[in-house]
């Protein structure tokens, strides 16, 4: 997640209890890495340093049983924590609240025309690609088996739809 987003929104650094200040971590680059944990649905926050070391900033609850994918969408200014069929194909958009904590904001489900399957990857195109008020959204299926194998993916590895700009 970009340092600029974390600081502009008042994220409280769990290591200091004060507003996050990237200057305190001179080797980490220009942002922090968030990794979703499928085991318990938390996000783990790391600063990856240029000297090969790292800083652990802790974990963040997403309200989900599992997280298979996490990404940042500059258009909505939200972290997106996605869960596959374990959670009904949901995507929780997370924000920084007035207290400086990262919290769930809104949860979306995949379009009803899509299968309930192992759709574990999710991405939204940049807002610069908007056409008629929408931009492309893409889901990836990591459980593809092919036709007649019991998977509901019907041989598809990628699905595409739209998301409001």
C-alpha atoms as a PDB file:
ATOM      1  CA  UNK A   1       0.000   0.000   0.000  1.00  0.00           C
ATOM      2  CA  UNK A   2       1.442   3.361  -0.898  1.00  0.00           C
ATOM      3  CA  UNK A   3       2.908   5.418   1.947  1.00  0.00           C
ATOM      4  CA  UNK A   4       1.065   8.417   0.510  1.00  0.00           C
ATOM      5  CA  UNK A   5      -2.320   6.692   1.057  1.00  0.00           C
ATOM      6  CA  UNK A   6      -1.405   5.540   4.568  1.00  0.00           C
ATOM      7  CA  UNK A   7      -0.246   9.004   5.653  1.00  0.00           C
ATOM      8  CA  UNK A   8      -2.994  10.996   3.885  1.00  0.00           C
ATOM      9  CA  UNK A   9      -5.641   8.901   5.635  1.00  0.00           C
ATOM     10  CA  UNK A  10      -4.056   9.021   9.087  1.00  0.00           C
ATOM     11  CA  UNK A  11      -3.099   5.369   9.564  1.00  0.00           C
ATOM     12  CA  UNK A  12      -1.834   4.803  13.101  1.00  0.00           C
ATOM     13  CA  UNK A  13       1.446   2.887  13.146  1.00  0.00           C
ATOM     14  CA  UNK A  14       0.887  -0.092  15.454  1.00  0.00           C
ATOM     15  CA  UNK A  15       4.580  -0.081  16.403  1.00  0.00           C
ATOM     16  CA  UNK A  16       4.563   3.496  17.731  1.00  0.00           C
ATOM     17  CA  UNK A  17       0.883   4.201  18.479  1.00  0.00           C
ATOM     18  CA  UNK A  18       1.259   7.489  16.574  1.00  0.00           C
ATOM     19  CA  UNK A  19       0.487   8.558  13.026  1.00  0.00           C
ATOM     20  CA  UNK A  20       2.477   6.495  10.529  1.00  0.00           C
ATOM     21  CA  UNK A  21       5.596   8.358   9.434  1.00  0.00           C
ATOM     22  CA  UNK A  22       7.550   6.683   6.630  1.00  0.00           C
ATOM     23  CA  UNK A  23      10.671   8.614   7.631  1.00  0.00           C
ATOM     24  CA  UNK A  24      10.909   6.290  10.660  1.00  0.00           C
ATOM     25  CA  UNK A  25      11.581   3.408   8.257  1.00  0.00           C
ATOM     26  CA  UNK A  26      14.205   4.752   5.807  1.00  0.00           C
ATOM     27  CA  UNK A  27      14.976   1.442   4.078  1.00  0.00           C
ATOM     28  CA  UNK A  28      11.438   0.289   3.261  1.00  0.00           C
ATOM     29  CA  UNK A  29      10.826   2.092  -0.026  1.00  0.00           C
ATOM     30  CA  UNK A  30       7.579   3.928  -0.736  1.00  0.00           C
ATOM     31  CA  UNK A  31       4.945   1.635   0.740  1.00  0.00           C
ATOM     32  CA  UNK A  32       4.097  -1.364   2.854  1.00  0.00           C
ATOM     33  CA  UNK A  33       3.204  -4.874   1.751  1.00  0.00           C
ATOM     34  CA  UNK A  34      -0.090  -6.423   2.845  1.00  0.00           C
ATOM     35  CA  UNK A  35      -0.501 -10.187   2.585  1.00  0.00           C
ATOM     36  CA  UNK A  36      -3.801 -12.000   3.108  1.00  0.00           C
ATOM     37  CA  UNK A  37      -3.860 -15.200   5.125  1.00  0.00           C
ATOM     38  CA  UNK A  38      -6.181 -17.905   3.907  1.00  0.00           C
ATOM     39  CA  UNK A  39      -6.002 -19.680   7.268  1.00  0.00           C
ATOM     40  CA  UNK A  40      -7.757 -17.013   9.362  1.00  0.00           C
ATOM     41  CA  UNK A  41      -8.756 -14.103   7.113  1.00  0.00           C
ATOM     42  CA  UNK A  42      -6.279 -11.563   8.472  1.00  0.00           C
ATOM     43  CA  UNK A  43      -3.980  -9.193   6.644  1.00  0.00           C
ATOM     44  CA  UNK A  44      -0.306  -9.132   7.626  1.00  0.00           C
ATOM     45  CA  UNK A  45       1.600  -5.889   7.152  1.00  0.00           C
ATOM     46  CA  UNK A  46       5.315  -5.741   6.343  1.00  0.00           C
ATOM     47  CA  UNK A  47       7.932  -3.183   5.434  1.00  0.00           C
ATOM     48  CA  UNK A  48      10.458  -4.800   3.089  1.00  0.00           C
ATOM     49  CA  UNK A  49      13.827  -3.125   3.479  1.00  0.00           C
ATOM     50  CA  UNK A  50      16.443  -2.587   0.781  1.00  0.00           C
ATOM     51  CA  UNK A  51      19.055  -4.413   2.882  1.00  0.00           C
ATOM     52  CA  UNK A  52      17.073  -7.684   2.850  1.00  0.00           C
ATOM     53  CA  UNK A  53      15.510  -7.284   6.296  1.00  0.00           C
ATOM     54  CA  UNK A  54      11.857  -6.630   7.071  1.00  0.00           C
ATOM     55  CA  UNK A  55       9.649  -4.971   9.663  1.00  0.00           C
ATOM     56  CA  UNK A  56       6.451  -6.640  10.860  1.00  0.00           C
ATOM     57  CA  UNK A  57       3.677  -4.130  11.546  1.00  0.00           C
ATOM     58  CA  UNK A  58       1.183  -6.741  12.749  1.00  0.00           C
ATOM     59  CA  UNK A  59      -2.153  -8.059  11.568  1.00  0.00           C
ATOM     60  CA  UNK A  60      -5.479  -6.533  10.589  1.00  0.00           C
ATOM     61  CA  UNK A  61      -8.862  -8.230  10.913  1.00  0.00           C
ATOM     62  CA  UNK A  62     -10.901  -8.258   7.706  1.00  0.00           C
ATOM     63  CA  UNK A  63     -14.090  -9.792   9.072  1.00  0.00           C
ATOM     64  CA  UNK A  64     -13.649 -12.677   6.622  1.00  0.00           C
ATOM     65  CA  UNK A  65     -13.002 -16.352   7.362  1.00  0.00           C
ATOM     66  CA  UNK A  66     -10.249 -16.409   4.718  1.00  0.00           C
ATOM     67  CA  UNK A  67      -8.386 -14.026   2.425  1.00  0.00           C
ATOM     68  CA  UNK A  68      -7.132 -15.421  -0.865  1.00  0.00           C
ATOM     69  CA  UNK A  69      -6.117 -12.140  -2.500  1.00  0.00           C
ATOM     70  CA  UNK A  70      -5.372  -8.592  -1.378  1.00  0.00           C
ATOM     71  CA  UNK A  71      -4.858  -5.568  -3.587  1.00  0.00           C
ATOM     72  CA  UNK A  72      -5.074  -1.786  -3.473  1.00  0.00           C
ATOM     73  CA  UNK A  73      -7.475   0.051  -5.774  1.00  0.00           C
ATOM     74  CA  UNK A  74      -6.402   3.637  -6.379  1.00  0.00           C
ATOM     75  CA  UNK A  75      -9.817   4.488  -7.846  1.00  0.00           C
ATOM     76  CA  UNK A  76     -11.774   3.746  -4.679  1.00  0.00           C
ATOM     77  CA  UNK A  77      -8.783   4.401  -2.394  1.00  0.00           C
ATOM     78  CA  UNK A  78      -9.444   1.061  -0.704  1.00  0.00           C
ATOM     79  CA  UNK A  79      -7.633  -2.141   0.124  1.00  0.00           C
ATOM     80  CA  UNK A  80      -9.572  -5.081  -1.325  1.00  0.00           C
ATOM     81  CA  UNK A  81      -9.503  -8.386   0.578  1.00  0.00           C
ATOM     82  CA  UNK A  82     -11.025 -11.160  -1.541  1.00  0.00           C
ATOM     83  CA  UNK A  83     -12.309 -14.568  -0.521  1.00  0.00           C
ATOM     84  CA  UNK A  84     -13.305 -17.432  -2.813  1.00  0.00           C
ATOM     85  CA  UNK A  85     -16.196 -19.869  -2.388  1.00  0.00           C
ATOM     86  CA  UNK A  86     -15.213 -20.217   1.283  1.00  0.00           C
ATOM     87  CA  UNK A  87     -16.912 -16.836   1.834  1.00  0.00           C
ATOM     88  CA  UNK A  88     -19.356 -16.837  -1.068  1.00  0.00           C
ATOM     89  CA  UNK A  89     -17.028 -15.063  -3.545  1.00  0.00           C
ATOM     90  CA  UNK A  90     -16.814 -11.781  -1.619  1.00  0.00           C
ATOM     91  CA  UNK A  91     -14.574  -8.738  -1.896  1.00  0.00           C
ATOM     92  CA  UNK A  92     -14.284  -6.531   1.188  1.00  0.00           C
ATOM     93  CA  UNK A  93     -13.151  -2.976   0.543  1.00  0.00           C
ATOM     94  CA  UNK A  94     -11.232  -1.650   3.545  1.00  0.00           C
ATOM     95  CA  UNK A  95     -10.554   1.945   4.543  1.00  0.00           C
ATOM     96  CA  UNK A  96      -8.740   3.857   7.255  1.00  0.00           C
ATOM     97  CA  UNK A  97     -11.298   5.086   9.790  1.00  0.00           C
ATOM     98  CA  UNK A  98     -11.261   8.288  11.891  1.00  0.00           C
ATOM     99  CA  UNK A  99      -9.248   6.494  14.616  1.00  0.00           C
ATOM    100  CA  UNK A 100      -6.489   5.550  12.159  1.00  0.00           C
ATOM    101  CA  UNK A 101      -7.365   1.847  11.975  1.00  0.00           C
ATOM    102  CA  UNK A 102      -7.842  -0.134   8.774  1.00  0.00           C
ATOM    103  CA  UNK A 103     -11.387  -1.516   8.874  1.00  0.00           C
ATOM    104  CA  UNK A 104     -13.917  -3.125   6.516  1.00  0.00           C
ATOM    105  CA  UNK A 105     -15.966  -0.526   4.627  1.00  0.00           C
ATOM    106  CA  UNK A 106     -18.233  -2.427   2.231  1.00  0.00           C
ATOM    107  CA  UNK A 107     -18.395  -5.983   0.880  1.00  0.00           C
ATOM    108  CA  UNK A 108     -19.360  -6.913  -2.659  1.00  0.00           C
ATOM    109  CA  UNK A 109     -20.125 -10.310  -4.147  1.00  0.00           C
ATOM    110  CA  UNK A 110     -19.226 -11.499  -7.615  1.00  0.00           C
ATOM    111  CA  UNK A 111     -21.918 -11.179 -10.289  1.00  0.00           C
ATOM    112  CA  UNK A 112     -24.607 -13.857  -9.959  1.00  0.00           C
ATOM    113  CA  UNK A 113     -23.886 -15.133 -13.487  1.00  0.00           C
ATOM    114  CA  UNK A 114     -20.428 -16.281 -12.364  1.00  0.00           C
ATOM    115  CA  UNK A 115     -19.824 -19.686 -10.801  1.00  0.00           C
ATOM    116  CA  UNK A 116     -19.226 -20.127  -7.094  1.00  0.00           C
ATOM    117  CA  UNK A 117     -15.791 -21.653  -7.448  1.00  0.00           C
ATOM    118  CA  UNK A 118     -12.169 -21.025  -6.476  1.00  0.00           C
ATOM    119  CA  UNK A 119     -12.157 -17.431  -7.756  1.00  0.00           C
ATOM    120  CA  UNK A 120      -9.101 -16.382  -5.784  1.00  0.00           C
ATOM    121  CA  UNK A 121      -7.726 -13.447  -7.762  1.00  0.00           C
ATOM    122  CA  UNK A 122      -9.424 -10.098  -8.333  1.00  0.00           C
ATOM    123  CA  UNK A 123      -8.326  -6.886 -10.018  1.00  0.00           C
ATOM    124  CA  UNK A 124      -9.996  -3.671 -11.124  1.00  0.00           C
ATOM    125  CA  UNK A 125      -8.684  -1.608 -14.040  1.00  0.00           C
ATOM    126  CA  UNK A 126      -7.532   1.962 -13.346  1.00  0.00           C
ATOM    127  CA  UNK A 127     -10.157   4.713 -13.416  1.00  0.00           C
ATOM    128  CA  UNK A 128      -8.383   6.148 -16.474  1.00  0.00           C
ATOM    129  CA  UNK A 129      -9.908   3.249 -18.441  1.00  0.00           C
ATOM    130  CA  UNK A 130     -13.518   4.128 -17.542  1.00  0.00           C
ATOM    131  CA  UNK A 131     -16.028   3.979 -20.377  1.00  0.00           C
ATOM    132  CA  UNK A 132     -19.636   5.056 -19.833  1.00  0.00           C
ATOM    133  CA  UNK A 133     -19.142   5.048 -16.054  1.00  0.00           C
ATOM    134  CA  UNK A 134     -17.602   1.571 -15.764  1.00  0.00           C
ATOM    135  CA  UNK A 135     -14.170  -0.038 -15.762  1.00  0.00           C
ATOM    136  CA  UNK A 136     -13.139  -3.648 -16.193  1.00  0.00           C
ATOM    137  CA  UNK A 137     -12.963  -6.076 -13.271  1.00  0.00           C
ATOM    138  CA  UNK A 138     -11.236  -9.456 -13.650  1.00  0.00           C
ATOM    139  CA  UNK A 139     -11.542 -12.614 -11.529  1.00  0.00           C
ATOM    140  CA  UNK A 140      -9.192 -15.601 -11.789  1.00  0.00           C
ATOM    141  CA  UNK A 141     -10.066 -19.210 -11.032  1.00  0.00           C
ATOM    142  CA  UNK A 142      -7.251 -21.254  -9.512  1.00  0.00           C
ATOM    143  CA  UNK A 143      -9.371 -24.414  -9.387  1.00  0.00           C
ATOM    144  CA  UNK A 144      -9.774 -24.888 -13.140  1.00  0.00           C
ATOM    145  CA  UNK A 145     -10.178 -28.498 -14.160  1.00  0.00           C
ATOM    146  CA  UNK A 146     -11.809 -28.405 -17.570  1.00  0.00           C
ATOM    147  CA  UNK A 147     -15.110 -29.572 -18.909  1.00  0.00           C
ATOM    148  CA  UNK A 148     -16.811 -32.487 -17.210  1.00  0.00           C
ATOM    149  CA  UNK A 149     -14.477 -32.553 -14.215  1.00  0.00           C
ATOM    150  CA  UNK A 150     -16.922 -31.388 -11.562  1.00  0.00           C
ATOM    151  CA  UNK A 151     -15.669 -27.793 -11.525  1.00  0.00           C
ATOM    152  CA  UNK A 152     -18.222 -25.084 -12.147  1.00  0.00           C
ATOM    153  CA  UNK A 153     -15.659 -23.055 -14.114  1.00  0.00           C
ATOM    154  CA  UNK A 154     -16.525 -24.652 -17.462  1.00  0.00           C
ATOM    155  CA  UNK A 155     -12.883 -24.463 -18.521  1.00  0.00           C
ATOM    156  CA  UNK A 156     -12.480 -20.748 -17.797  1.00  0.00           C
ATOM    157  CA  UNK A 157      -9.457 -19.434 -15.915  1.00  0.00           C
ATOM    158  CA  UNK A 158     -10.397 -15.737 -16.189  1.00  0.00           C
ATOM    159  CA  UNK A 159     -13.714 -13.938 -15.978  1.00  0.00           C
ATOM    160  CA  UNK A 160     -14.311 -10.317 -16.839  1.00  0.00           C
ATOM    161  CA  UNK A 161     -17.037  -7.906 -15.832  1.00  0.00           C
ATOM    162  CA  UNK A 162     -17.391  -4.256 -14.908  1.00  0.00           C
ATOM    163  CA  UNK A 163     -17.185  -2.131 -11.783  1.00  0.00           C
ATOM    164  CA  UNK A 164     -18.547   1.421 -11.396  1.00  0.00           C
ATOM    165  CA  UNK A 165     -16.056   4.240 -11.832  1.00  0.00           C
END
